[in-house]
Amino acid sequence: MEFHLSKARKPDASSPGGKADEERKKRLAAQLRANLARRKAQARSRRQGEADQSPDGLGPDATDTDK
């Protein structure tokens, strides 16, 4: 038995699904821009905030279960 894989064809803008594809691309682009804006705002707020006061690693009350 022989199987051939072909490249997926891009739909034409004139095809019935073309308009839906364009709307989907616009919607995804808008979501991507919104996500990027949120991430940038988050990074800016982290830079402006004070450094964490918590010590690095586990605290003295942490239990060691590997004993």
PDB file of N, CA and C in Angstrom:
ATOM      1  N   MET A   1       0.826  -1.162   0.000  1.00  0.00           N
ATOM      2  CA  MET A   1       0.000   0.000   0.000  1.00  0.00           C
ATOM      3  C   MET A   1       0.883   1.243   0.000  1.00  0.00           C
ATOM      4  N   GLU A   2       0.448   2.236  -0.731  1.00  0.00           N
ATOM      5  CA  GLU A   2       1.238   3.447  -0.855  1.00  0.00           C
ATOM      6  C   GLU A   2       0.388   4.652  -0.470  1.00  0.00           C
ATOM      7  N   PHE A   3       0.950   5.509   0.373  1.00  0.00           N
ATOM      8  CA  PHE A   3       0.230   6.708   0.798  1.00  0.00           C
ATOM      9  C   PHE A   3       1.000   7.930   0.347  1.00  0.00           C
ATOM     10  N   HIS A   4       0.277   8.918  -0.130  1.00  0.00           N
ATOM     11  CA  HIS A   4       0.896  10.172  -0.550  1.00  0.00           C
ATOM     12  C   HIS A   4       0.306  11.307   0.270  1.00  0.00           C
ATOM     13  N   LEU A   5       1.174  12.118   0.804  1.00  0.00           N
ATOM     14  CA  LEU A   5       0.725  13.294   1.538  1.00  0.00           C
ATOM     15  C   LEU A   5       0.878  14.501   0.629  1.00  0.00           C
ATOM     16  N   SER A   6      -0.150  15.264   0.526  1.00  0.00           N
ATOM     17  CA  SER A   6      -0.076  16.457  -0.301  1.00  0.00           C
ATOM     18  C   SER A   6      -0.161  17.694   0.583  1.00  0.00           C
ATOM     19  N   LYS A   7       0.336  18.788   0.082  1.00  0.00           N
ATOM     20  CA  LYS A   7       0.270  20.032   0.831  1.00  0.00           C
ATOM     21  C   LYS A   7      -1.167  20.526   0.855  1.00  0.00           C
ATOM     22  N   ALA A   8      -1.536  21.079   1.981  1.00  0.00           N
ATOM     23  CA  ALA A   8      -2.888  21.626   2.084  1.00  0.00           C
ATOM     24  C   ALA A   8      -2.974  22.886   1.241  1.00  0.00           C
ATOM     25  N   ARG A   9      -4.056  22.993   0.505  1.00  0.00           N
ATOM     26  CA  ARG A   9      -4.236  24.167  -0.345  1.00  0.00           C
ATOM     27  C   ARG A   9      -4.878  25.283   0.455  1.00  0.00           C
ATOM     28  N   LYS A  10      -4.466  26.506   0.154  1.00  0.00           N
ATOM     29  CA  LYS A  10      -5.071  27.663   0.786  1.00  0.00           C
ATOM     30  C   LYS A  10      -6.368  27.985   0.052  1.00  0.00           C
ATOM     31  N   PRO A  11      -7.426  28.266   0.791  1.00  0.00           N
ATOM     32  CA  PRO A  11      -8.688  28.593   0.125  1.00  0.00           C
ATOM     33  C   PRO A  11      -8.611  29.965  -0.531  1.00  0.00           C
ATOM     34  N   ASP A  12      -9.283  30.097  -1.644  1.00  0.00           N
ATOM     35  CA  ASP A  12      -9.340  31.377  -2.334  1.00  0.00           C
ATOM     36  C   ASP A  12     -10.269  32.314  -1.579  1.00  0.00           C
ATOM     37  N   ALA A  13     -10.041  33.614  -1.755  1.00  0.00           N
ATOM     38  CA  ALA A  13     -10.918  34.595  -1.135  1.00  0.00           C
ATOM     39  C   ALA A  13     -12.310  34.521  -1.756  1.00  0.00           C
ATOM     40  N   SER A  14     -12.391  34.015  -2.988  1.00  0.00           N
ATOM     41  CA  SER A  14     -13.677  33.920  -3.665  1.00  0.00           C
ATOM     42  C   SER A  14     -14.463  32.682  -3.249  1.00  0.00           C
ATOM     43  N   SER A  15     -13.822  31.761  -2.550  1.00  0.00           N
ATOM     44  CA  SER A  15     -14.518  30.550  -2.117  1.00  0.00           C
ATOM     45  C   SER A  15     -15.452  30.891  -0.957  1.00  0.00           C
ATOM     46  N   PRO A  16     -16.468  30.082  -0.698  1.00  0.00           N
ATOM     47  CA  PRO A  16     -17.428  30.368   0.365  1.00  0.00           C
ATOM     48  C   PRO A  16     -16.777  30.508   1.741  1.00  0.00           C
ATOM     49  N   GLY A  17     -15.735  29.747   2.017  1.00  0.00           N
ATOM     50  CA  GLY A  17     -15.066  29.816   3.313  1.00  0.00           C
ATOM     51  C   GLY A  17     -14.065  30.945   3.409  1.00  0.00           C
ATOM     52  N   GLY A  18     -13.805  31.638   2.313  1.00  0.00           N
ATOM     53  CA  GLY A  18     -12.802  32.703   2.297  1.00  0.00           C
ATOM     54  C   GLY A  18     -13.131  33.848   3.224  1.00  0.00           C
ATOM     55  N   LYS A  19     -14.389  34.262   3.242  1.00  0.00           N
ATOM     56  CA  LYS A  19     -14.791  35.383   4.099  1.00  0.00           C
ATOM     57  C   LYS A  19     -14.685  34.986   5.568  1.00  0.00           C
ATOM     58  N   ALA A  20     -15.084  33.773   5.891  1.00  0.00           N
ATOM     59  CA  ALA A  20     -14.992  33.293   7.267  1.00  0.00           C
ATOM     60  C   ALA A  20     -13.532  33.188   7.699  1.00  0.00           C
ATOM     61  N   ASP A  21     -12.667  32.770   6.776  1.00  0.00           N
ATOM     62  CA  ASP A  21     -11.244  32.676   7.096  1.00  0.00           C
ATOM     63  C   ASP A  21     -10.663  34.053   7.391  1.00  0.00           C
ATOM     64  N   GLU A  22     -11.061  35.051   6.612  1.00  0.00           N
ATOM     65  CA  GLU A  22     -10.571  36.414   6.836  1.00  0.00           C
ATOM     66  C   GLU A  22     -11.043  36.950   8.177  1.00  0.00           C
ATOM     67  N   GLU A  23     -12.303  36.687   8.511  1.00  0.00           N
ATOM     68  CA  GLU A  23     -12.827  37.124   9.809  1.00  0.00           C
ATOM     69  C   GLU A  23     -12.097  36.436  10.949  1.00  0.00           C
ATOM     70  N   ARG A  24     -11.800  35.161  10.776  1.00  0.00           N
ATOM     71  CA  ARG A  24     -11.073  34.409  11.802  1.00  0.00           C
ATOM     72  C   ARG A  24      -9.670  34.970  11.990  1.00  0.00           C
ATOM     73  N   LYS A  25      -9.002  35.279  10.879  1.00  0.00           N
ATOM     74  CA  LYS A  25      -7.653  35.854  10.966  1.00  0.00           C
ATOM     75  C   LYS A  25      -7.683  37.194  11.681  1.00  0.00           C
ATOM     76  N   LYS A  26      -8.683  38.017  11.379  1.00  0.00           N
ATOM     77  CA  LYS A  26      -8.792  39.317  12.047  1.00  0.00           C
ATOM     78  C   LYS A  26      -9.050  39.142  13.533  1.00  0.00           C
ATOM     79  N   ARG A  27      -9.922  38.188  13.884  1.00  0.00           N
ATOM     80  CA  ARG A  27     -10.232  37.931  15.288  1.00  0.00           C
ATOM     81  C   ARG A  27      -9.000  37.429  16.036  1.00  0.00           C
ATOM     82  N   LEU A  28      -8.252  36.510  15.424  1.00  0.00           N
ATOM     83  CA  LEU A  28      -7.040  35.987  16.060  1.00  0.00           C
ATOM     84  C   LEU A  28      -5.981  37.071  16.218  1.00  0.00           C
ATOM     85  N   ALA A  29      -5.862  37.949  15.220  1.00  0.00           N
ATOM     86  CA  ALA A  29      -4.892  39.040  15.303  1.00  0.00           C
ATOM     87  C   ALA A  29      -5.263  39.986  16.443  1.00  0.00           C
ATOM     88  N   ALA A  30      -6.548  40.269  16.604  1.00  0.00           N
ATOM     89  CA  ALA A  30      -6.990  41.143  17.688  1.00  0.00           C
ATOM     90  C   ALA A  30      -6.709  40.504  19.045  1.00  0.00           C
ATOM     91  N   GLN A  31      -6.954  39.201  19.167  1.00  0.00           N
ATOM     92  CA  GLN A  31      -6.664  38.501  20.421  1.00  0.00           C
ATOM     93  C   GLN A  31      -5.174  38.510  20.729  1.00  0.00           C
ATOM     94  N   LEU A  32      -4.364  38.354  19.691  1.00  0.00           N
ATOM     95  CA  LEU A  32      -2.920  38.360  19.874  1.00  0.00           C
ATOM     96  C   LEU A  32      -2.442  39.730  20.349  1.00  0.00           C
ATOM     97  N   ARG A  33      -2.985  40.793  19.745  1.00  0.00           N
ATOM     98  CA  ARG A  33      -2.612  42.142  20.170  1.00  0.00           C
ATOM     99  C   ARG A  33      -3.032  42.403  21.609  1.00  0.00           C
ATOM    100  N   ALA A  34      -4.230  41.956  21.994  1.00  0.00           N
ATOM    101  CA  ALA A  34      -4.708  42.146  23.360  1.00  0.00           C
ATOM    102  C   ALA A  34      -3.831  41.385  24.349  1.00  0.00           C
ATOM    103  N   ASN A  35      -3.445  40.165  24.002  1.00  0.00           N
ATOM    104  CA  ASN A  35      -2.578  39.358  24.865  1.00  0.00           C
ATOM    105  C   ASN A  35      -1.216  40.024  25.030  1.00  0.00           C
ATOM    106  N   LEU A  36      -0.679  40.530  23.936  1.00  0.00           N
ATOM    107  CA  LEU A  36       0.620  41.196  24.002  1.00  0.00           C
ATOM    108  C   LEU A  36       0.541  42.443  24.878  1.00  0.00           C
ATOM    109  N   ALA A  37      -0.548  43.205  24.752  1.00  0.00           N
ATOM    110  CA  ALA A  37      -0.716  44.400  25.577  1.00  0.00           C
ATOM    111  C   ALA A  37      -0.797  44.036  27.058  1.00  0.00           C
ATOM    112  N   ARG A  38      -1.526  42.948  27.378  1.00  0.00           N
ATOM    113  CA  ARG A  38      -1.603  42.512  28.780  1.00  0.00           C
ATOM    114  C   ARG A  38      -0.239  42.106  29.300  1.00  0.00           C
ATOM    115  N   ARG A  39       0.513  41.368  28.498  1.00  0.00           N
ATOM    116  CA  ARG A  39       1.836  40.914  28.936  1.00  0.00           C
ATOM    117  C   ARG A  39       2.794  42.080  29.129  1.00  0.00           C
ATOM    118  N   LYS A  40       2.717  43.079  28.252  1.00  0.00           N
ATOM    119  CA  LYS A  40       3.572  44.259  28.402  1.00  0.00           C
ATOM    120  C   LYS A  40       3.211  45.027  29.669  1.00  0.00           C
ATOM    121  N   ALA A  41       1.917  45.184  29.925  1.00  0.00           N
ATOM    122  CA  ALA A  41       1.479  45.873  31.135  1.00  0.00           C
ATOM    123  C   ALA A  41       1.935  45.117  32.376  1.00  0.00           C
ATOM    124  N   GLN A  42       1.859  43.802  32.331  1.00  0.00           N
ATOM    125  CA  GLN A  42       2.293  42.982  33.461  1.00  0.00           C
ATOM    126  C   GLN A  42       3.792  43.154  33.695  1.00  0.00           C
ATOM    127  N   ALA A  43       4.574  43.158  32.628  1.00  0.00           N
ATOM    128  CA  ALA A  43       6.025  43.326  32.764  1.00  0.00           C
ATOM    129  C   ALA A  43       6.359  44.707  33.307  1.00  0.00           C
ATOM    130  N   ARG A  44       5.646  45.737  32.846  1.00  0.00           N
ATOM    131  CA  ARG A  44       5.893  47.090  33.350  1.00  0.00           C
ATOM    132  C   ARG A  44       5.572  47.186  34.831  1.00  0.00           C
ATOM    133  N   SER A  45       4.461  46.579  35.257  1.00  0.00           N
ATOM    134  CA  SER A  45       4.091  46.649  36.669  1.00  0.00           C
ATOM    135  C   SER A  45       5.095  45.904  37.533  1.00  0.00           C
ATOM    136  N   ARG A  46       5.641  44.818  37.023  1.00  0.00           N
ATOM    137  CA  ARG A  46       6.651  44.079  37.792  1.00  0.00           C
ATOM    138  C   ARG A  46       7.937  44.880  37.922  1.00  0.00           C
ATOM    139  N   ARG A  47       8.300  45.634  36.890  1.00  0.00           N
ATOM    140  CA  ARG A  47       9.513  46.454  36.961  1.00  0.00           C
ATOM    141  C   ARG A  47       9.347  47.599  37.940  1.00  0.00           C
ATOM    142  N   GLN A  48       8.133  48.141  38.047  1.00  0.00           N
ATOM    143  CA  GLN A  48       7.897  49.286  38.903  1.00  0.00           C
ATOM    144  C   GLN A  48       7.696  48.898  40.354  1.00  0.00           C
ATOM    145  N   GLY A  49       7.349  47.654  40.612  1.00  0.00           N
ATOM    146  CA  GLY A  49       7.096  47.203  41.977  1.00  0.00           C
ATOM    147  C   GLY A  49       8.379  47.027  42.761  1.00  0.00           C
ATOM    148  N   GLU A  50       8.216  46.851  44.053  1.00  0.00           N
ATOM    149  CA  GLU A  50       9.374  46.631  44.908  1.00  0.00           C
ATOM    150  C   GLU A  50       9.820  45.174  44.819  1.00  0.00           C
ATOM    151  N   ALA A  51      11.049  44.939  45.191  1.00  0.00           N
ATOM    152  CA  ALA A  51      11.588  43.580  45.181  1.00  0.00           C
ATOM    153  C   ALA A  51      10.873  42.736  46.224  1.00  0.00           C
ATOM    154  N   ASP A  52      10.758  41.458  45.973  1.00  0.00           N
ATOM    155  CA  ASP A  52      10.135  40.549  46.923  1.00  0.00           C
ATOM    156  C   ASP A  52      10.929  40.513  48.212  1.00  0.00           C
ATOM    157  N   GLN A  53      10.240  40.444  49.339  1.00  0.00           N
ATOM    158  CA  GLN A  53      10.888  40.382  50.642  1.00  0.00           C
ATOM    159  C   GLN A  53      11.037  38.953  51.136  1.00  0.00           C
ATOM    160  N   SER A  54      10.501  37.988  50.395  1.00  0.00           N
ATOM    161  CA  SER A  54      10.576  36.599  50.831  1.00  0.00           C
ATOM    162  C   SER A  54      11.983  36.050  50.592  1.00  0.00           C
ATOM    163  N   PRO A  55      12.464  35.203  51.497  1.00  0.00           N
ATOM    164  CA  PRO A  55      13.795  34.622  51.313  1.00  0.00           C
ATOM    165  C   PRO A  55      13.792  33.599  50.183  1.00  0.00           C
ATOM    166  N   ASP A  56      14.937  33.403  49.611  1.00  0.00           N
ATOM    167  CA  ASP A  56      15.052  32.392  48.557  1.00  0.00           C
ATOM    168  C   ASP A  56      15.019  31.002  49.170  1.00  0.00           C
ATOM    169  N   GLY A  57      14.434  30.081  48.453  1.00  0.00           N
ATOM    170  CA  GLY A  57      14.407  28.700  48.920  1.00  0.00           C
ATOM    171  C   GLY A  57      13.289  28.451  49.909  1.00  0.00           C
ATOM    172  N   LEU A  58      13.374  27.328  50.594  1.00  0.00           N
ATOM    173  CA  LEU A  58      12.351  26.934  51.548  1.00  0.00           C
ATOM    174  C   LEU A  58      12.615  27.572  52.898  1.00  0.00           C
ATOM    175  N   GLY A  59      11.556  27.842  53.605  1.00  0.00           N
ATOM    176  CA  GLY A  59      11.665  28.431  54.940  1.00  0.00           C
ATOM    177  C   GLY A  59      12.083  27.407  55.968  1.00  0.00           C
ATOM    178  N   PRO A  60      12.371  27.840  57.215  1.00  0.00           N
ATOM    179  CA  PRO A  60      12.829  26.904  58.256  1.00  0.00           C
ATOM    180  C   PRO A  60      11.746  25.939  58.706  1.00  0.00           C
ATOM    181  N   ASP A  61      10.481  26.253  58.457  1.00  0.00           N
ATOM    182  CA  ASP A  61       9.423  25.355  58.890  1.00  0.00           C
ATOM    183  C   ASP A  61       9.056  24.313  57.832  1.00  0.00           C
ATOM    184  N   ALA A  62       9.792  24.272  56.756  1.00  0.00           N
ATOM    185  CA  ALA A  62       9.519  23.285  55.703  1.00  0.00           C
ATOM    186  C   ALA A  62       9.953  21.908  56.188  1.00  0.00           C
ATOM    187  N   THR A  63       9.169  20.915  55.869  1.00  0.00           N
ATOM    188  CA  THR A  63       9.495  19.550  56.290  1.00  0.00           C
ATOM    189  C   THR A  63      10.171  18.804  55.159  1.00  0.00           C
ATOM    190  N   ASP A  64      11.100  17.978  55.492  1.00  0.00           N
ATOM    191  CA  ASP A  64      11.820  17.177  54.507  1.00  0.00           C
ATOM    192  C   ASP A  64      11.259  15.766  54.544  1.00  0.00           C
ATOM    193  N   THR A  65      10.632  15.342  53.464  1.00  0.00           N
ATOM    194  CA  THR A  65       9.981  14.024  53.435  1.00  0.00           C
ATOM    195  C   THR A  65      10.905  12.926  52.955  1.00  0.00           C
ATOM    196  N   ASP A  66      12.130  13.268  52.535  1.00  0.00           N
ATOM    197  CA  ASP A  66      13.063  12.275  52.008  1.00  0.00           C
ATOM    198  C   ASP A  66      13.953  11.674  53.073  1.00  0.00           C
ATOM    199  N   LYS A  67      13.702  11.884  54.347  1.00  0.00           N
ATOM    200  CA  LYS A  67      14.582  11.358  55.405  1.00  0.00           C
ATOM    201  C   LYS A  67      14.395   9.897  55.607  1.00  0.00           C
TER     202      LYS A  67
END
